[in-house]
PDB file of N, CA and C in Angstrom:
ATOM      1  N   MET A   1       0.451  -1.111  -0.063  1.00  0.00           N
ATOM      2  CA  MET A   1      -0.265  -0.211   0.207  1.00  0.00           C
ATOM      3  C   MET A   1       0.861   1.061   0.135  1.00  0.00           C
ATOM      4  N   CYS A   2       0.594   2.259  -0.816  1.00  0.00           N
ATOM      5  CA  CYS A   2       1.288   3.256  -0.641  1.00  0.00           C
ATOM      6  C   CYS A   2       0.848   4.373   0.538  1.00  0.00           C
ATOM      7  N   ARG A   3       1.575   5.802   0.718  1.00  0.00           N
ATOM      8  CA  ARG A   3       1.003   6.030   1.635  1.00  0.00           C
ATOM      9  C   ARG A   3       0.115   7.291   1.317  1.00  0.00           C
ATOM     10  N   ALA A   4       0.202   7.424   0.357  1.00  0.00           N
ATOM     11  CA  ALA A   4      -1.340   7.999   0.031  1.00  0.00           C
ATOM     12  C   ALA A   4      -2.328   7.796  -0.012  1.00  0.00           C
ATOM     13  N   VAL A   5      -2.914   6.134  -0.193  1.00  0.00           N
ATOM     14  CA  VAL A   5      -3.875   5.624   0.149  1.00  0.00           C
ATOM     15  C   VAL A   5      -4.047   5.579   1.664  1.00  0.00           C
ATOM     16  N   LEU A   6      -3.377   5.136   2.479  1.00  0.00           N
ATOM     17  CA  LEU A   6      -3.373   5.102   3.874  1.00  0.00           C
ATOM     18  C   LEU A   6      -3.515   6.859   4.360  1.00  0.00           C
ATOM     19  N   GLU A   7      -3.298   7.831   3.990  1.00  0.00           N
ATOM     20  CA  GLU A   7      -3.445   9.299   4.357  1.00  0.00           C
ATOM     21  C   GLU A   7      -4.958   9.746   4.013  1.00  0.00           C
ATOM     22  N   SER A   8      -5.426   9.324   2.847  1.00  0.00           N
ATOM     23  CA  SER A   8      -6.574   9.655   2.772  1.00  0.00           C
ATOM     24  C   SER A   8      -7.433   8.527   2.787  1.00  0.00           C
ATOM     25  N   GLU A   9      -7.614   7.668   3.573  1.00  0.00           N
ATOM     26  CA  GLU A   9      -8.874   7.106   4.471  1.00  0.00           C
ATOM     27  C   GLU A   9      -8.969   8.295   5.275  1.00  0.00           C
ATOM     28  N   GLY A  10     -10.677   7.952   5.947  1.00  0.00           N
ATOM     29  CA  GLY A  10     -11.167   8.652   6.967  1.00  0.00           C
ATOM     30  C   GLY A  10     -10.781   8.163   8.120  1.00  0.00           C
ATOM     31  N   SER A  11     -10.702   6.587   8.152  1.00  0.00           N
ATOM     32  CA  SER A  11     -10.271   6.168   9.121  1.00  0.00           C
ATOM     33  C   SER A  11      -9.022   5.600   9.119  1.00  0.00           C
ATOM     34  N   GLN A  12      -8.262   5.776  10.385  1.00  0.00           N
ATOM     35  CA  GLN A  12      -7.147   5.428  10.655  1.00  0.00           C
ATOM     36  C   GLN A  12      -6.677   3.668  11.048  1.00  0.00           C
ATOM     37  N   GLU A  13      -7.792   3.137  10.940  1.00  0.00           N
ATOM     38  CA  GLU A  13      -7.468   1.788  11.143  1.00  0.00           C
ATOM     39  C   GLU A  13      -6.358   0.934  10.345  1.00  0.00           C
ATOM     40  N   THR A  14      -6.171   1.352   8.999  1.00  0.00           N
ATOM     41  CA  THR A  14      -5.636   0.576   8.149  1.00  0.00           C
ATOM     42  C   THR A  14      -4.082   1.409   8.732  1.00  0.00           C
ATOM     43  N   ALA A  15      -3.877   2.499   8.614  1.00  0.00           N
ATOM     44  CA  ALA A  15      -2.393   2.632   9.036  1.00  0.00           C
ATOM     45  C   ALA A  15      -2.120   2.202  10.330  1.00  0.00           C
ATOM     46  N   LYS A  16      -2.853   2.015  11.645  1.00  0.00           N
ATOM     47  CA  LYS A  16      -2.483   1.374  12.579  1.00  0.00           C
ATOM     48  C   LYS A  16      -2.068  -0.029  12.265  1.00  0.00           C
ATOM     49  N   GLY A  17      -3.055  -0.721  11.841  1.00  0.00           N
ATOM     50  CA  GLY A  17      -2.708  -1.949  11.452  1.00  0.00           C
ATOM     51  C   GLY A  17      -1.459  -2.659  10.502  1.00  0.00           C
ATOM     52  N   ILE A  18      -1.203  -1.429   9.733  1.00  0.00           N
ATOM     53  CA  ILE A  18       0.587  -1.501   8.945  1.00  0.00           C
ATOM     54  C   ILE A  18       1.155  -0.818   9.722  1.00  0.00           C
ATOM     55  N   ASN A  19       1.214  -0.119  10.699  1.00  0.00           N
ATOM     56  CA  ASN A  19       2.561   0.248  11.485  1.00  0.00           C
ATOM     57  C   ASN A  19       2.640  -1.046  12.347  1.00  0.00           C
ATOM     58  N   ASN A  20       1.596  -1.834  13.167  1.00  0.00           N
ATOM     59  CA  ASN A  20       1.292  -3.183  13.999  1.00  0.00           C
ATOM     60  C   ASN A  20       2.420  -3.848  13.303  1.00  0.00           C
ATOM     61  N   GLY A  21       1.750  -3.858  11.942  1.00  0.00           N
ATOM     62  CA  GLY A  21       2.953  -5.436  11.052  1.00  0.00           C
ATOM     63  C   GLY A  21       4.199  -5.051  10.884  1.00  0.00           C
ATOM     64  N   ILE A  22       4.815  -3.656  10.581  1.00  0.00           N
ATOM     65  CA  ILE A  22       6.273  -2.838  10.919  1.00  0.00           C
ATOM     66  C   ILE A  22       6.740  -3.606  12.003  1.00  0.00           C
ATOM     67  N   VAL A  23       6.094  -3.434  13.096  1.00  0.00           N
ATOM     68  CA  VAL A  23       6.588  -3.266  14.367  1.00  0.00           C
ATOM     69  C   VAL A  23       6.996  -4.933  14.417  1.00  0.00           C
ATOM     70  N   TYR A  24       6.154  -5.800  14.086  1.00  0.00           N
ATOM     71  CA  TYR A  24       6.106  -7.118  14.672  1.00  0.00           C
ATOM     72  C   TYR A  24       7.737  -7.366  13.402  1.00  0.00           C
ATOM     73  N   LEU A  25       7.236  -7.319  12.287  1.00  0.00           N
ATOM     74  CA  LEU A  25       8.656  -7.756  11.645  1.00  0.00           C
ATOM     75  C   LEU A  25       9.792  -7.639  11.684  1.00  0.00           C
ATOM     76  N   MET A  26       9.958  -5.755  12.318  1.00  0.00           N
ATOM     77  CA  MET A  26      10.950  -5.559  12.883  1.00  0.00           C
ATOM     78  C   MET A  26      11.644  -6.245  14.193  1.00  0.00           C
ATOM     79  N   ALA A  27      10.676  -6.838  15.091  1.00  0.00           N
ATOM     80  CA  ALA A  27      11.161  -7.173  16.116  1.00  0.00           C
ATOM     81  C   ALA A  27      11.143  -9.019  16.126  1.00  0.00           C
ATOM     82  N   ILE A  28      10.690  -9.605  15.478  1.00  0.00           N
ATOM     83  CA  ILE A  28      11.041 -10.876  15.101  1.00  0.00           C
ATOM     84  C   ILE A  28      12.280 -11.690  14.773  1.00  0.00           C
ATOM     85  N   PRO A  29      12.893 -11.097  14.236  1.00  0.00           N
ATOM     86  CA  PRO A  29      14.360 -11.346  14.095  1.00  0.00           C
ATOM     87  C   PRO A  29      15.411 -11.406  14.981  1.00  0.00           C
ATOM     88  N   TYR A  30      14.734 -10.248  16.216  1.00  0.00           N
ATOM     89  CA  TYR A  30      15.686  -9.922  17.270  1.00  0.00           C
ATOM     90  C   TYR A  30      15.241 -11.151  18.497  1.00  0.00           C
ATOM     91  N   VAL A  31      13.884 -11.217  18.236  1.00  0.00           N
ATOM     92  CA  VAL A  31      13.666 -12.508  19.045  1.00  0.00           C
ATOM     93  C   VAL A  31      14.099 -13.778  18.597  1.00  0.00           C
ATOM     94  N   LEU A  32      14.304 -14.192  17.437  1.00  0.00           N
ATOM     95  CA  LEU A  32      14.721 -15.587  16.885  1.00  0.00           C
ATOM     96  C   LEU A  32      16.027 -15.494  17.134  1.00  0.00           C
ATOM     97  N   ILE A  33      17.245 -14.531  17.205  1.00  0.00           N
ATOM     98  CA  ILE A  33      18.321 -14.376  17.222  1.00  0.00           C
ATOM     99  C   ILE A  33      18.505 -14.503  18.331  1.00  0.00           C
ATOM    100  N   GLY A  34      17.780 -13.773  19.515  1.00  0.00           N
ATOM    101  CA  GLY A  34      17.867 -14.013  21.419  1.00  0.00           C
ATOM    102  C   GLY A  34      17.807 -15.282  21.616  1.00  0.00           C
ATOM    103  N   ALA A  35      16.419 -16.164  21.303  1.00  0.00           N
ATOM    104  CA  ALA A  35      16.061 -17.398  21.582  1.00  0.00           C
ATOM    105  C   ALA A  35      17.378 -18.203  20.970  1.00  0.00           C
ATOM    106  N   LEU A  36      17.493 -17.860  19.751  1.00  0.00           N
ATOM    107  CA  LEU A  36      19.307 -19.124  19.347  1.00  0.00           C
ATOM    108  C   LEU A  36      20.356 -18.639  20.386  1.00  0.00           C
ATOM    109  N   GLY A  37      20.606 -17.800  20.919  1.00  0.00           N
ATOM    110  CA  GLY A  37      21.657 -17.500  21.217  1.00  0.00           C
ATOM    111  C   GLY A  37      21.300 -17.756  22.646  1.00  0.00           C
ATOM    112  N   TYR A  38      20.405 -18.122  23.550  1.00  0.00           N
ATOM    113  CA  TYR A  38      20.316 -18.702  24.587  1.00  0.00           C
ATOM    114  C   TYR A  38      20.686 -20.113  24.500  1.00  0.00           C
ATOM    115  N   TYR A  39      19.640 -20.367  23.598  1.00  0.00           N
ATOM    116  CA  TYR A  39      19.863 -22.064  23.352  1.00  0.00           C
ATOM    117  C   TYR A  39      21.195 -22.763  23.616  1.00  0.00           C
ATOM    118  N   ILE A  40      22.135 -21.307  22.806  1.00  0.00           N
ATOM    119  CA  ILE A  40      23.525 -22.014  22.585  1.00  0.00           C
ATOM    120  C   ILE A  40      24.167 -21.989  23.995  1.00  0.00           C
ATOM    121  N   TYR A  41      23.873 -20.872  24.423  1.00  0.00           N
ATOM    122  CA  TYR A  41      24.227 -20.425  26.204  1.00  0.00           C
ATOM    123  C   TYR A  41      24.285 -21.944  26.948  1.00  0.00           C
ATOM    124  N   ARG A  42      22.733 -21.987  26.913  1.00  0.00           N
ATOM    125  CA  ARG A  42      22.322 -23.444  27.725  1.00  0.00           C
ATOM    126  C   ARG A  42      23.081 -24.464  27.558  1.00  0.00           C
ATOM    127  N   TRP A  43      23.619 -24.567  25.941  1.00  0.00           N
ATOM    128  CA  TRP A  43      23.727 -26.078  25.273  1.00  0.00           C
ATOM    129  C   TRP A  43      25.581 -26.075  25.967  1.00  0.00           C
ATOM    130  N   LEU A  44      25.923 -24.473  26.083  1.00  0.00           N
ATOM    131  CA  LEU A  44      27.781 -25.265  26.650  1.00  0.00           C
ATOM    132  C   LEU A  44      27.603 -24.451  27.631  1.00  0.00           C
ATOM    133  N   LYS A  45      26.988 -24.340  28.620  1.00  0.00           N
ATOM    134  CA  LYS A  45      26.780 -24.402  30.143  1.00  0.00           C
ATOM    135  C   LYS A  45      26.698 -25.973  30.226  1.00  0.00           C
ATOM    136  N   LYS A  46      26.066 -26.565  29.518  1.00  0.00           N
ATOM    137  CA  LYS A  46      25.907 -28.092  30.150  1.00  0.00           C
ATOM    138  C   LYS A  46      26.533 -28.712  29.522  1.00  0.00           C
ATOM    139  N   GLU A  47      27.375 -28.517  28.587  1.00  0.00           N
ATOM    140  CA  GLU A  47      28.886 -29.196  28.095  1.00  0.00           C
ATOM    141  C   GLU A  47      30.116 -28.909  29.265  1.00  0.00           C
ATOM    142  N   ARG A  48      29.892 -27.781  29.573  1.00  0.00           N
ATOM    143  CA  ARG A  48      30.994 -27.749  30.482  1.00  0.00           C
ATOM    144  C   ARG A  48      30.878 -28.152  31.953  1.00  0.00           C
ATOM    145  N   GLN A  49      29.943 -28.442  32.362  1.00  0.00           N
ATOM    146  CA  GLN A  49      29.397 -29.505  33.923  1.00  0.00           C
ATOM    147  C   GLN A  49      29.653 -30.874  33.509  1.00  0.00           C
ATOM    148  N   ILE A  50      29.566 -31.097  32.328  1.00  0.00           N
ATOM    149  CA  ILE A  50      29.880 -32.687  32.299  1.00  0.00           C
ATOM    150  C   ILE A  50      31.043 -33.325  32.018  1.00  0.00           C
ATOM    151  N   GLU A  51      31.969 -32.009  31.890  1.00  0.00           N
ATOM    152  CA  GLU A  51      33.563 -32.425  31.746  1.00  0.00           C
ATOM    153  C   GLU A  51      34.387 -32.741  33.144  1.00  0.00           C
TER     154      GLU A  51
END
């Protein structure tokens, strides 16, 4: 959707939905990388305790 369509609309519900979607798309990579980092941290910590 282009910006002109979002601005010309009387109700701002579509614009709010687009903004929420952008925020989710920006946050998902950080959440995935954080979860992967935590999993690796736990795995390495477990490996050190075994030795």
